[in-house]
Amino acid sequence: MVRSVNKSTVGYIAVVAALSITSVFSFGLYSRQREAVDSVEIKDFPHTIRDWEGEDLDITENEYRILETRNLIVREYKNDRDEKIYLFIIYSETNRSVFHPPEVCLIGSGVNMVEKIYEDIKSPYGVFKCNKLYLEKKGARDISLYCYKTGRTYTFNYYLQQALFTINQLFAKNKGGATIKVSTRVSDNEEETLETLKSFMEEVIVIMENMRKG
């Protein structure tokens, strides 16, 4: 005698099956994260970019702990005119939690975010929107450009990067991700300052792609 299966039983079985599949993916993802090592060591990023020379800035153990990785750089680049650009890159192929919106770091720092808009930046794969922040502290005015990377995709959108990074991991596509930020003091000629910063960011992106290929 064949017994009929009611809708609640079917629903229960479907939920259990979905949870089981999710568990398998999650365990596989966790295992790959435990075993995987980044193929790119971001500390190998060049100290010389055209006429800019870089110097690594100190990172405390507490900052490493908060950022959940040691695969990052904080660097000051200077040219012959004594202009300075600060570069921050954090990179991972296994852990999406290391990527943080830079605005989070402003909380309690005494730095005020005056404006946040977008700026077009060129990558080897086309033009994309990058975040542009105007910051003020004690009368000084800075400008920052930052973006998120997953594989060949560069975006201003943190949540898009997180989604793409997770999808790549689930399907064992080790494409790597990064947060990239450049910043400088706004000079008397703001337009010139912005163009210099954009050019520097575009150079950084080209180098990042070459490092990944290598």
Protein backbone atom coordinates (compact mmCIF):
# COMPACT_ATOMS: atom_id res chain seq x y z
CA MET A 1 0.00 0.00 0.00
CA VAL A 2 1.47 3.37 -1.02
CA ARG A 3 1.03 6.19 1.46
CA SER A 4 0.45 9.72 0.22
CA VAL A 5 2.93 12.38 1.28
CA ASN A 6 1.39 15.63 2.50
CA LYS A 7 2.66 19.09 1.57
CA SER A 8 4.24 19.78 4.97
CA THR A 9 6.37 16.64 4.68
CA VAL A 10 7.50 17.62 1.19
CA GLY A 11 8.36 21.10 2.45
CA TYR A 12 10.34 19.65 5.35
CA ILE A 13 12.30 17.36 3.03
CA ALA A 14 13.05 20.30 0.70
CA VAL A 15 14.37 22.43 3.58
CA VAL A 16 16.57 19.59 4.87
CA ALA A 17 17.92 18.99 1.36
CA ALA A 18 18.69 22.69 0.87
CA LEU A 19 20.48 22.89 4.21
CA SER A 20 22.48 19.77 3.39
CA ILE A 21 23.61 21.20 0.05
CA THR A 22 24.52 24.52 1.69
CA SER A 23 26.51 22.67 4.35
CA VAL A 24 28.49 20.79 1.70
CA PHE A 25 29.34 24.03 -0.12
CA SER A 26 30.21 25.79 3.15
CA PHE A 27 32.46 22.95 4.31
CA GLY A 28 34.19 22.85 0.95
CA LEU A 29 34.67 26.61 1.02
CA TYR A 30 36.00 26.49 4.59
CA SER A 31 38.41 23.67 3.69
CA ARG A 32 39.77 25.58 0.69
CA GLN A 33 40.23 28.70 2.81
CA ARG A 34 42.16 26.71 5.40
CA GLU A 35 44.46 25.13 2.81
CA ALA A 36 44.84 27.96 0.29
CA VAL A 37 47.66 30.49 0.29
CA ASP A 38 47.58 33.74 -1.67
CA SER A 39 49.59 33.46 -4.88
CA VAL A 40 50.24 37.22 -4.82
CA GLU A 41 52.37 38.73 -2.04
CA ILE A 42 51.26 42.36 -2.06
CA LYS A 43 54.45 43.48 -0.29
CA ASP A 44 56.17 42.80 -3.63
CA PHE A 45 54.25 45.72 -5.13
CA PRO A 46 56.87 48.05 -6.72
CA HIS A 47 58.28 50.89 -4.65
CA THR A 48 58.91 52.86 -7.85
CA ILE A 49 56.01 54.01 -10.03
CA ARG A 50 57.32 56.27 -12.78
CA ASP A 51 58.72 59.32 -10.93
CA TRP A 52 57.24 58.28 -7.57
CA GLU A 53 59.33 56.53 -4.90
CA GLY A 54 57.56 54.66 -2.11
CA GLU A 55 58.36 54.04 1.53
CA ASP A 56 56.48 51.52 3.68
CA LEU A 57 54.72 52.93 6.74
CA ASP A 58 54.50 51.04 10.01
CA ILE A 59 51.54 48.75 10.66
CA THR A 60 50.91 47.70 14.26
CA GLU A 61 50.11 44.16 15.34
CA ASN A 62 46.71 45.39 16.49
CA GLU A 63 46.00 46.77 13.01
CA TYR A 64 47.01 43.45 11.45
CA ARG A 65 44.65 41.71 13.86
CA ILE A 66 41.74 44.02 13.02
CA LEU A 67 42.31 43.63 9.27
CA GLU A 68 42.58 39.82 9.61
CA THR A 69 45.52 39.50 7.22
CA ARG A 70 49.17 40.47 6.82
CA ASN A 71 48.91 40.62 3.04
CA LEU A 72 48.63 44.39 2.80
CA ILE A 73 50.67 47.53 2.35
CA VAL A 74 50.43 51.11 3.60
CA ARG A 75 52.94 53.17 1.67
CA GLU A 76 53.92 56.80 1.11
CA TYR A 77 55.01 57.72 -2.42
CA LYS A 78 56.89 60.95 -3.08
CA ASN A 79 58.07 62.64 -6.29
CA ASP A 80 60.80 65.20 -7.04
CA ARG A 81 58.37 68.06 -6.31
CA ASP A 82 57.88 66.67 -2.79
CA GLU A 83 54.25 65.79 -3.58
CA LYS A 84 52.95 62.81 -1.63
CA ILE A 85 50.43 60.09 -2.40
CA TYR A 86 49.45 57.46 0.13
CA LEU A 87 48.65 53.97 -1.12
CA PHE A 88 46.73 51.30 0.77
CA ILE A 89 46.17 47.82 -0.69
CA ILE A 90 44.75 44.80 1.09
CA TYR A 91 44.66 41.56 -0.90
CA SER A 92 43.23 38.09 -0.45
CA GLU A 93 42.28 35.08 -2.56
CA THR A 94 40.62 33.19 0.29
CA ASN A 95 38.98 35.52 2.81
CA ARG A 96 36.41 38.14 1.79
CA SER A 97 36.13 39.47 5.36
CA VAL A 98 39.47 41.30 5.04
CA PHE A 99 37.91 43.90 2.73
CA HIS A 100 36.50 46.88 4.64
CA PRO A 101 34.95 50.14 3.38
CA PRO A 102 37.56 52.82 4.24
CA GLU A 103 34.83 55.01 5.76
CA VAL A 104 34.65 52.56 8.67
CA CYS A 105 38.19 53.53 9.67
CA LEU A 106 37.17 57.20 9.94
CA ILE A 107 34.93 56.57 12.95
CA GLY A 108 36.52 58.19 15.99
CA SER A 109 39.56 59.37 14.02
CA GLY A 110 38.64 63.06 14.03
CA VAL A 111 38.47 63.06 10.22
CA ASN A 112 35.26 64.43 8.70
CA MET A 113 33.92 63.07 5.42
CA VAL A 114 32.81 66.19 3.55
CA GLU A 115 31.61 64.58 0.33
CA LYS A 116 31.42 61.18 -1.35
CA ILE A 117 30.88 60.96 -5.10
CA TYR A 118 32.19 58.86 -8.00
CA GLU A 119 34.98 59.26 -10.52
CA ASP A 120 35.65 57.43 -13.79
CA ILE A 121 38.87 55.40 -13.75
CA LYS A 122 40.45 53.42 -16.59
CA SER A 123 41.46 49.79 -16.13
CA PRO A 124 42.93 47.40 -18.74
CA TYR A 125 39.37 46.11 -19.18
CA GLY A 126 37.50 49.39 -19.54
CA VAL A 127 36.27 52.37 -17.55
CA PHE A 128 34.66 51.87 -14.14
CA LYS A 129 33.23 54.03 -11.35
CA CYS A 130 35.54 54.63 -8.39
CA ASN A 131 34.64 56.15 -5.01
CA LYS A 132 35.91 59.68 -4.42
CA LEU A 133 36.03 61.05 -0.88
CA TYR A 134 36.75 64.57 0.30
CA LEU A 135 38.04 64.56 3.87
CA GLU A 136 38.87 67.31 6.35
CA LYS A 137 40.81 67.35 9.60
CA LYS A 138 42.01 70.43 11.47
CA GLY A 139 41.59 72.65 8.42
CA ALA A 140 43.48 70.32 6.06
CA ARG A 141 41.61 68.90 3.07
CA ASP A 142 42.42 65.52 1.51
CA ILE A 143 41.02 63.61 -1.43
CA SER A 144 40.85 59.82 -1.68
CA LEU A 145 40.01 57.45 -4.50
CA TYR A 146 39.23 53.85 -3.67
CA CYS A 147 37.74 50.78 -5.30
CA TYR A 148 37.22 47.07 -4.83
CA LYS A 149 38.60 44.32 -7.06
CA THR A 150 37.50 40.76 -7.76
CA GLY A 151 39.28 39.05 -10.63
CA ARG A 152 39.11 41.47 -13.54
CA THR A 153 36.17 43.38 -12.09
CA TYR A 154 36.83 46.77 -10.47
CA THR A 155 33.92 48.52 -8.79
CA PHE A 156 32.93 51.22 -6.31
CA ASN A 157 30.36 48.82 -4.83
CA TYR A 158 31.48 46.89 -1.75
CA TYR A 159 28.47 44.56 -1.82
CA LEU A 160 28.98 43.66 -5.47
CA GLN A 161 32.59 42.74 -4.75
CA GLN A 162 31.54 40.61 -1.79
CA ALA A 163 28.96 38.77 -3.90
CA LEU A 164 31.34 38.12 -6.81
CA PHE A 165 34.13 37.02 -4.46
CA THR A 166 31.81 34.52 -2.76
CA ILE A 167 30.52 33.14 -6.07
CA ASN A 168 34.08 32.66 -7.32
CA GLN A 169 34.99 30.77 -4.15
CA LEU A 170 31.94 28.51 -4.29
CA PHE A 171 32.90 27.45 -7.79
CA ALA A 172 36.60 27.13 -6.91
CA LYS A 173 37.57 30.10 -9.09
CA ASN A 174 40.55 31.55 -7.26
CA LYS A 175 40.51 35.02 -8.79
CA GLY A 176 41.60 37.11 -5.82
CA GLY A 177 40.21 40.36 -4.46
CA ALA A 178 41.48 43.65 -3.11
CA THR A 179 40.64 47.01 -1.64
CA ILE A 180 42.76 49.73 -3.26
CA LYS A 181 42.91 53.30 -1.95
CA VAL A 182 45.06 56.27 -2.94
CA SER A 183 44.92 59.65 -1.20
CA THR A 184 46.68 62.99 -1.19
CA ARG A 185 46.45 66.54 0.16
CA VAL A 186 44.40 68.90 -2.03
CA SER A 187 46.65 71.61 -3.47
CA ASP A 188 45.68 75.09 -4.65
CA ASN A 189 44.87 73.53 -8.03
CA GLU A 190 42.27 70.92 -7.12
CA GLU A 191 41.73 69.81 -10.72
CA GLU A 192 45.44 69.09 -11.13
CA THR A 193 45.49 67.22 -7.81
CA LEU A 194 42.63 65.00 -8.93
CA GLU A 195 44.21 64.25 -12.30
CA THR A 196 47.49 63.30 -10.61
CA LEU A 197 45.66 61.00 -8.21
CA LYS A 198 43.61 59.40 -11.02
CA SER A 199 46.74 58.77 -13.07
CA PHE A 200 48.43 57.16 -10.07
CA MET A 201 45.41 54.93 -9.40
CA GLU A 202 45.37 53.78 -13.02
CA GLU A 203 49.08 52.90 -12.80
CA VAL A 204 48.40 50.91 -9.63
CA ILE A 205 45.64 48.91 -11.34
CA VAL A 206 47.89 48.01 -14.29
CA ILE A 207 50.59 46.81 -11.89
CA MET A 208 48.06 44.77 -9.92
CA GLU A 209 46.95 42.98 -13.09
CA ASN A 210 50.55 42.24 -14.08
CA MET A 211 51.31 40.85 -10.62
CA ARG A 212 48.32 38.54 -10.84
CA LYS A 213 49.37 37.27 -14.29
CA GLY A 214 52.88 36.64 -13.06
